[in-house]
Amino acid sequence: MTAQELETQLLSLTPAQKVEAIRILTQGISSNNRGINKTPGVMGADACIAGRRIPVWLLVSYQRQGAKDADILDQYPQLSAADLVTAWLYAEAFPYEIDTAIDEQEQADAILDAS
């Protein structure tokens, strides 16, 4: 298979399939990529970078506010670039979940700001 053929096939994957593909690929090149986990009792069981208490929705929120990947990696040096790629792909695959979590956090912040 040529690189072009592979690219064509990868681009045709669904967002959920892309998440799985990136997990498999980064497993072979980086031991720093932990994937995404949901753990009952940890961060409200939100999707987090595995082994870290860093929710995907939080990273997406920073990105939407204009933070670049380099800014996020500076803020969270325990993360790798591969972790961010995995987070972005997860968010693409499950946009409703991420949007809902961000909305819930914004509502909680508004309640705290009002008191």
N, C-alpha and C. Protein backbone atom coordinates (compact mmCIF):
# COMPACT_ATOMS: atom_id res chain seq x y z
N MET A 1 0.85 -1.17 0.00
CA MET A 1 0.00 0.00 0.00
C MET A 1 0.89 1.24 0.00
N THR A 2 0.56 2.19 -0.83
CA THR A 2 1.33 3.43 -0.88
C THR A 2 0.85 4.38 0.21
N ALA A 3 1.65 5.39 0.48
CA ALA A 3 1.27 6.40 1.46
C ALA A 3 -0.01 7.12 1.02
N GLN A 4 -0.14 7.38 -0.27
CA GLN A 4 -1.34 8.05 -0.79
C GLN A 4 -2.58 7.18 -0.58
N GLU A 5 -2.46 5.88 -0.82
CA GLU A 5 -3.59 4.98 -0.61
C GLU A 5 -3.97 4.93 0.86
N LEU A 6 -2.97 4.90 1.72
CA LEU A 6 -3.23 4.90 3.15
C LEU A 6 -3.93 6.19 3.58
N GLU A 7 -3.43 7.30 3.07
CA GLU A 7 -4.05 8.59 3.40
C GLU A 7 -5.52 8.61 2.98
N THR A 8 -5.81 8.13 1.79
CA THR A 8 -7.18 8.09 1.30
C THR A 8 -8.06 7.25 2.23
N GLN A 9 -7.54 6.10 2.63
CA GLN A 9 -8.32 5.23 3.52
C GLN A 9 -8.50 5.87 4.90
N LEU A 10 -7.47 6.49 5.42
CA LEU A 10 -7.57 7.12 6.73
C LEU A 10 -8.57 8.27 6.72
N LEU A 11 -8.56 9.05 5.65
CA LEU A 11 -9.49 10.17 5.56
C LEU A 11 -10.94 9.72 5.44
N SER A 12 -11.16 8.51 4.99
CA SER A 12 -12.53 8.01 4.83
C SER A 12 -13.09 7.41 6.13
N LEU A 13 -12.28 7.28 7.16
CA LEU A 13 -12.74 6.71 8.42
C LEU A 13 -13.72 7.65 9.12
N THR A 14 -14.59 7.07 9.92
CA THR A 14 -15.47 7.87 10.76
C THR A 14 -14.62 8.46 11.90
N PRO A 15 -15.12 9.49 12.56
CA PRO A 15 -14.36 10.05 13.68
C PRO A 15 -14.02 9.00 14.75
N ALA A 16 -14.96 8.12 15.07
CA ALA A 16 -14.68 7.09 16.08
C ALA A 16 -13.59 6.14 15.61
N GLN A 17 -13.60 5.79 14.31
CA GLN A 17 -12.56 4.92 13.77
C GLN A 17 -11.20 5.63 13.78
N LYS A 18 -11.19 6.94 13.55
CA LYS A 18 -9.95 7.71 13.60
C LYS A 18 -9.36 7.69 15.01
N VAL A 19 -10.22 7.80 16.02
CA VAL A 19 -9.75 7.72 17.41
C VAL A 19 -9.03 6.40 17.64
N GLU A 20 -9.62 5.33 17.20
CA GLU A 20 -9.01 4.01 17.37
C GLU A 20 -7.72 3.90 16.57
N ALA A 21 -7.71 4.42 15.35
CA ALA A 21 -6.51 4.36 14.51
C ALA A 21 -5.36 5.13 15.15
N ILE A 22 -5.64 6.31 15.67
CA ILE A 22 -4.56 7.10 16.29
C ILE A 22 -4.05 6.41 17.54
N ARG A 23 -4.96 5.76 18.29
CA ARG A 23 -4.53 5.02 19.47
C ARG A 23 -3.56 3.92 19.07
N ILE A 24 -3.90 3.18 18.04
CA ILE A 24 -3.05 2.08 17.59
C ILE A 24 -1.71 2.60 17.08
N LEU A 25 -1.76 3.64 16.26
CA LEU A 25 -0.53 4.18 15.67
C LEU A 25 0.40 4.77 16.72
N THR A 26 -0.16 5.53 17.66
CA THR A 26 0.71 6.15 18.65
C THR A 26 1.24 5.14 19.65
N GLN A 27 0.55 4.03 19.82
CA GLN A 27 1.04 2.97 20.69
C GLN A 27 2.39 2.47 20.19
N GLY A 28 2.54 2.39 18.89
CA GLY A 28 3.77 1.88 18.31
C GLY A 28 4.91 2.86 18.29
N ILE A 29 4.62 4.18 18.39
CA ILE A 29 5.69 5.17 18.28
C ILE A 29 5.96 5.94 19.56
N SER A 30 5.05 5.87 20.52
CA SER A 30 5.23 6.69 21.71
C SER A 30 4.61 6.01 22.93
N SER A 31 5.41 5.82 23.92
CA SER A 31 4.87 5.26 25.15
C SER A 31 4.22 6.36 25.99
N ASN A 32 4.32 7.62 25.54
CA ASN A 32 3.73 8.73 26.27
C ASN A 32 2.23 8.86 26.03
N ASN A 33 1.74 8.29 24.93
CA ASN A 33 0.32 8.40 24.64
C ASN A 33 -0.45 7.40 25.48
N ARG A 34 -1.36 7.93 26.24
CA ARG A 34 -2.10 7.09 27.16
C ARG A 34 -3.50 6.76 26.67
N GLY A 35 -3.99 7.43 25.66
CA GLY A 35 -5.35 7.21 25.21
C GLY A 35 -6.35 7.98 26.06
N ILE A 36 -7.60 7.61 25.93
CA ILE A 36 -8.70 8.27 26.65
C ILE A 36 -9.39 7.23 27.51
N ASN A 37 -9.66 7.59 28.76
CA ASN A 37 -10.38 6.70 29.67
C ASN A 37 -11.50 7.46 30.35
N LYS A 38 -12.53 6.71 30.70
CA LYS A 38 -13.60 7.21 31.58
C LYS A 38 -13.59 6.30 32.79
N THR A 39 -13.34 6.90 33.95
CA THR A 39 -13.23 6.11 35.16
C THR A 39 -14.29 6.57 36.17
N PRO A 40 -15.20 5.68 36.56
CA PRO A 40 -16.19 6.07 37.57
C PRO A 40 -15.50 6.61 38.82
N GLY A 41 -16.01 7.74 39.30
CA GLY A 41 -15.44 8.34 40.51
C GLY A 41 -14.26 9.25 40.26
N VAL A 42 -13.82 9.36 39.01
CA VAL A 42 -12.69 10.24 38.68
C VAL A 42 -13.19 11.31 37.71
N MET A 43 -13.12 12.56 38.12
CA MET A 43 -13.53 13.69 37.28
C MET A 43 -14.94 13.50 36.73
N GLY A 44 -15.83 13.01 37.57
CA GLY A 44 -17.21 12.81 37.16
C GLY A 44 -17.39 11.80 36.04
N ALA A 45 -16.43 10.92 35.90
CA ALA A 45 -16.42 9.90 34.83
C ALA A 45 -16.36 10.52 33.44
N ASP A 46 -15.89 11.78 33.37
CA ASP A 46 -15.70 12.40 32.06
C ASP A 46 -14.53 11.74 31.35
N ALA A 47 -14.53 11.86 30.02
CA ALA A 47 -13.42 11.35 29.21
C ALA A 47 -12.17 12.17 29.54
N CYS A 48 -11.12 11.47 29.98
CA CYS A 48 -9.87 12.12 30.37
C CYS A 48 -8.69 11.46 29.67
N ILE A 49 -7.60 12.19 29.60
CA ILE A 49 -6.35 11.58 29.16
C ILE A 49 -6.06 10.48 30.18
N ALA A 50 -5.91 9.26 29.70
CA ALA A 50 -5.73 8.11 30.60
C ALA A 50 -4.55 8.33 31.53
N GLY A 51 -4.78 8.02 32.78
CA GLY A 51 -3.72 8.16 33.77
C GLY A 51 -3.56 9.58 34.29
N ARG A 52 -4.37 10.48 33.80
CA ARG A 52 -4.32 11.89 34.21
C ARG A 52 -5.73 12.33 34.55
N ARG A 53 -5.83 13.31 35.38
CA ARG A 53 -7.15 13.89 35.70
C ARG A 53 -7.34 15.15 34.86
N ILE A 54 -7.19 15.00 33.56
CA ILE A 54 -7.34 16.12 32.64
C ILE A 54 -8.44 15.75 31.64
N PRO A 55 -9.62 16.35 31.82
CA PRO A 55 -10.74 16.00 30.93
C PRO A 55 -10.53 16.54 29.51
N VAL A 56 -11.02 15.78 28.56
CA VAL A 56 -10.95 16.19 27.16
C VAL A 56 -11.70 17.50 26.97
N TRP A 57 -12.86 17.63 27.62
CA TRP A 57 -13.66 18.85 27.45
C TRP A 57 -12.88 20.08 27.88
N LEU A 58 -12.04 19.96 28.90
CA LEU A 58 -11.25 21.11 29.36
C LEU A 58 -10.25 21.54 28.30
N LEU A 59 -9.58 20.55 27.69
CA LEU A 59 -8.62 20.85 26.64
C LEU A 59 -9.31 21.49 25.44
N VAL A 60 -10.48 20.96 25.08
CA VAL A 60 -11.24 21.52 23.96
C VAL A 60 -11.69 22.94 24.28
N SER A 61 -12.09 23.17 25.52
CA SER A 61 -12.50 24.51 25.94
C SER A 61 -11.34 25.49 25.78
N TYR A 62 -10.15 25.10 26.21
CA TYR A 62 -8.98 25.97 26.03
C TYR A 62 -8.74 26.25 24.55
N GLN A 63 -8.85 25.22 23.73
CA GLN A 63 -8.64 25.37 22.29
C GLN A 63 -9.66 26.35 21.70
N ARG A 64 -10.90 26.23 22.10
CA ARG A 64 -11.96 27.12 21.60
C ARG A 64 -11.75 28.56 22.03
N GLN A 65 -11.06 28.74 23.16
CA GLN A 65 -10.76 30.08 23.65
C GLN A 65 -9.52 30.66 22.98
N GLY A 66 -8.93 29.90 22.06
CA GLY A 66 -7.80 30.41 21.30
C GLY A 66 -6.44 29.86 21.68
N ALA A 67 -6.40 28.98 22.65
CA ALA A 67 -5.11 28.40 23.04
C ALA A 67 -4.59 27.49 21.93
N LYS A 68 -3.34 27.60 21.64
CA LYS A 68 -2.67 26.73 20.68
C LYS A 68 -2.19 25.48 21.41
N ASP A 69 -1.90 24.44 20.65
CA ASP A 69 -1.41 23.21 21.26
C ASP A 69 -0.18 23.49 22.13
N ALA A 70 0.73 24.33 21.64
CA ALA A 70 1.94 24.64 22.40
C ALA A 70 1.61 25.29 23.74
N ASP A 71 0.57 26.16 23.76
CA ASP A 71 0.15 26.79 25.01
C ASP A 71 -0.36 25.75 26.00
N ILE A 72 -1.15 24.82 25.50
CA ILE A 72 -1.71 23.78 26.36
C ILE A 72 -0.60 22.88 26.89
N LEU A 73 0.35 22.52 26.03
CA LEU A 73 1.46 21.67 26.46
C LEU A 73 2.33 22.39 27.49
N ASP A 74 2.47 23.71 27.37
CA ASP A 74 3.20 24.49 28.38
C ASP A 74 2.47 24.44 29.72
N GLN A 75 1.13 24.55 29.65
CA GLN A 75 0.31 24.53 30.87
C GLN A 75 0.27 23.14 31.52
N TYR A 76 0.32 22.10 30.67
CA TYR A 76 0.24 20.72 31.13
C TYR A 76 1.44 19.94 30.61
N PRO A 77 2.61 20.13 31.19
CA PRO A 77 3.82 19.46 30.68
C PRO A 77 3.78 17.94 30.79
N GLN A 78 2.85 17.40 31.55
CA GLN A 78 2.72 15.95 31.66
C GLN A 78 2.03 15.35 30.43
N LEU A 79 1.50 16.20 29.55
CA LEU A 79 0.88 15.72 28.32
C LEU A 79 1.87 15.75 27.17
N SER A 80 1.62 14.91 26.19
CA SER A 80 2.43 14.89 24.97
C SER A 80 1.58 15.42 23.82
N ALA A 81 2.23 15.74 22.72
CA ALA A 81 1.50 16.16 21.53
C ALA A 81 0.55 15.06 21.08
N ALA A 82 0.97 13.81 21.21
CA ALA A 82 0.11 12.68 20.84
C ALA A 82 -1.14 12.64 21.72
N ASP A 83 -1.01 13.00 22.99
CA ASP A 83 -2.19 13.07 23.88
C ASP A 83 -3.19 14.08 23.34
N LEU A 84 -2.69 15.23 22.88
CA LEU A 84 -3.59 16.25 22.35
C LEU A 84 -4.26 15.78 21.06
N VAL A 85 -3.51 15.14 20.19
CA VAL A 85 -4.11 14.61 18.97
C VAL A 85 -5.23 13.64 19.32
N THR A 86 -4.98 12.79 20.28
CA THR A 86 -6.00 11.84 20.71
C THR A 86 -7.22 12.56 21.27
N ALA A 87 -6.98 13.60 22.06
CA ALA A 87 -8.08 14.38 22.63
C ALA A 87 -8.90 15.05 21.53
N TRP A 88 -8.23 15.64 20.54
CA TRP A 88 -8.95 16.32 19.45
C TRP A 88 -9.77 15.32 18.65
N LEU A 89 -9.21 14.16 18.40
CA LEU A 89 -9.96 13.14 17.66
C LEU A 89 -11.14 12.62 18.46
N TYR A 90 -10.95 12.47 19.77
CA TYR A 90 -12.06 12.03 20.61
C TYR A 90 -13.18 13.07 20.57
N ALA A 91 -12.80 14.33 20.68
CA ALA A 91 -13.80 15.41 20.66
C ALA A 91 -14.53 15.45 19.32
N GLU A 92 -13.82 15.17 18.26
CA GLU A 92 -14.46 15.12 16.93
C GLU A 92 -15.43 13.94 16.83
N ALA A 93 -15.06 12.83 17.45
CA ALA A 93 -15.90 11.64 17.39
C ALA A 93 -17.13 11.75 18.29
N PHE A 94 -17.02 12.51 19.37
CA PHE A 94 -18.11 12.59 20.35
C PHE A 94 -18.42 14.05 20.69
N PRO A 95 -18.81 14.85 19.69
CA PRO A 95 -19.01 16.29 19.93
C PRO A 95 -20.12 16.61 20.93
N TYR A 96 -21.19 15.84 20.92
CA TYR A 96 -22.29 16.12 21.85
C TYR A 96 -21.81 15.96 23.30
N GLU A 97 -21.08 14.90 23.55
CA GLU A 97 -20.55 14.65 24.90
C GLU A 97 -19.67 15.82 25.36
N ILE A 98 -18.79 16.26 24.49
CA ILE A 98 -17.85 17.33 24.86
C ILE A 98 -18.60 18.65 25.03
N ASP A 99 -19.50 18.97 24.09
CA ASP A 99 -20.26 20.22 24.19
C ASP A 99 -21.11 20.25 25.45
N THR A 100 -21.72 19.12 25.79
CA THR A 100 -22.53 19.04 27.00
C THR A 100 -21.68 19.28 28.25
N ALA A 101 -20.51 18.67 28.31
CA ALA A 101 -19.63 18.86 29.47
C ALA A 101 -19.17 20.31 29.59
N ILE A 102 -18.86 20.94 28.47
CA ILE A 102 -18.44 22.35 28.50
C ILE A 102 -19.60 23.22 28.95
N ASP A 103 -20.81 22.97 28.43
CA ASP A 103 -21.99 23.72 28.84
C ASP A 103 -22.26 23.58 30.34
N GLU A 104 -22.15 22.36 30.86
CA GLU A 104 -22.37 22.13 32.29
C GLU A 104 -21.36 22.90 33.12
N GLN A 105 -20.11 22.93 32.68
CA GLN A 105 -19.09 23.65 33.43
C GLN A 105 -19.34 25.16 33.39
N GLU A 106 -19.75 25.66 32.23
CA GLU A 106 -20.05 27.09 32.12
C GLU A 106 -21.22 27.47 33.02
N GLN A 107 -22.24 26.61 33.11
CA GLN A 107 -23.37 26.87 34.00
C GLN A 107 -22.92 26.88 35.46
N ALA A 108 -22.06 25.94 35.82
CA ALA A 108 -21.55 25.89 37.20
C ALA A 108 -20.72 27.14 37.49
N ASP A 109 -19.90 27.56 36.53
CA ASP A 109 -19.10 28.77 36.71
C ASP A 109 -20.00 30.00 36.90
N ALA A 110 -21.09 30.07 36.13
CA ALA A 110 -22.01 31.21 36.22
C ALA A 110 -22.66 31.26 37.60
N ILE A 111 -23.00 30.09 38.15
CA ILE A 111 -23.59 30.04 39.49
C ILE A 111 -22.59 30.54 40.52
N LEU A 112 -21.33 30.10 40.39
CA LEU A 112 -20.30 30.54 41.33
C LEU A 112 -20.04 32.04 41.20
N ASP A 113 -20.04 32.54 39.98
CA ASP A 113 -19.80 33.98 39.75
C ASP A 113 -20.92 34.82 40.32
N ALA A 114 -22.16 34.29 40.32
CA ALA A 114 -23.32 35.04 40.81
C ALA A 114 -23.37 35.09 42.33
N SER A 115 -22.68 34.18 42.99
CA SER A 115 -22.76 34.17 44.46
C SER A 115 -21.68 34.99 45.11
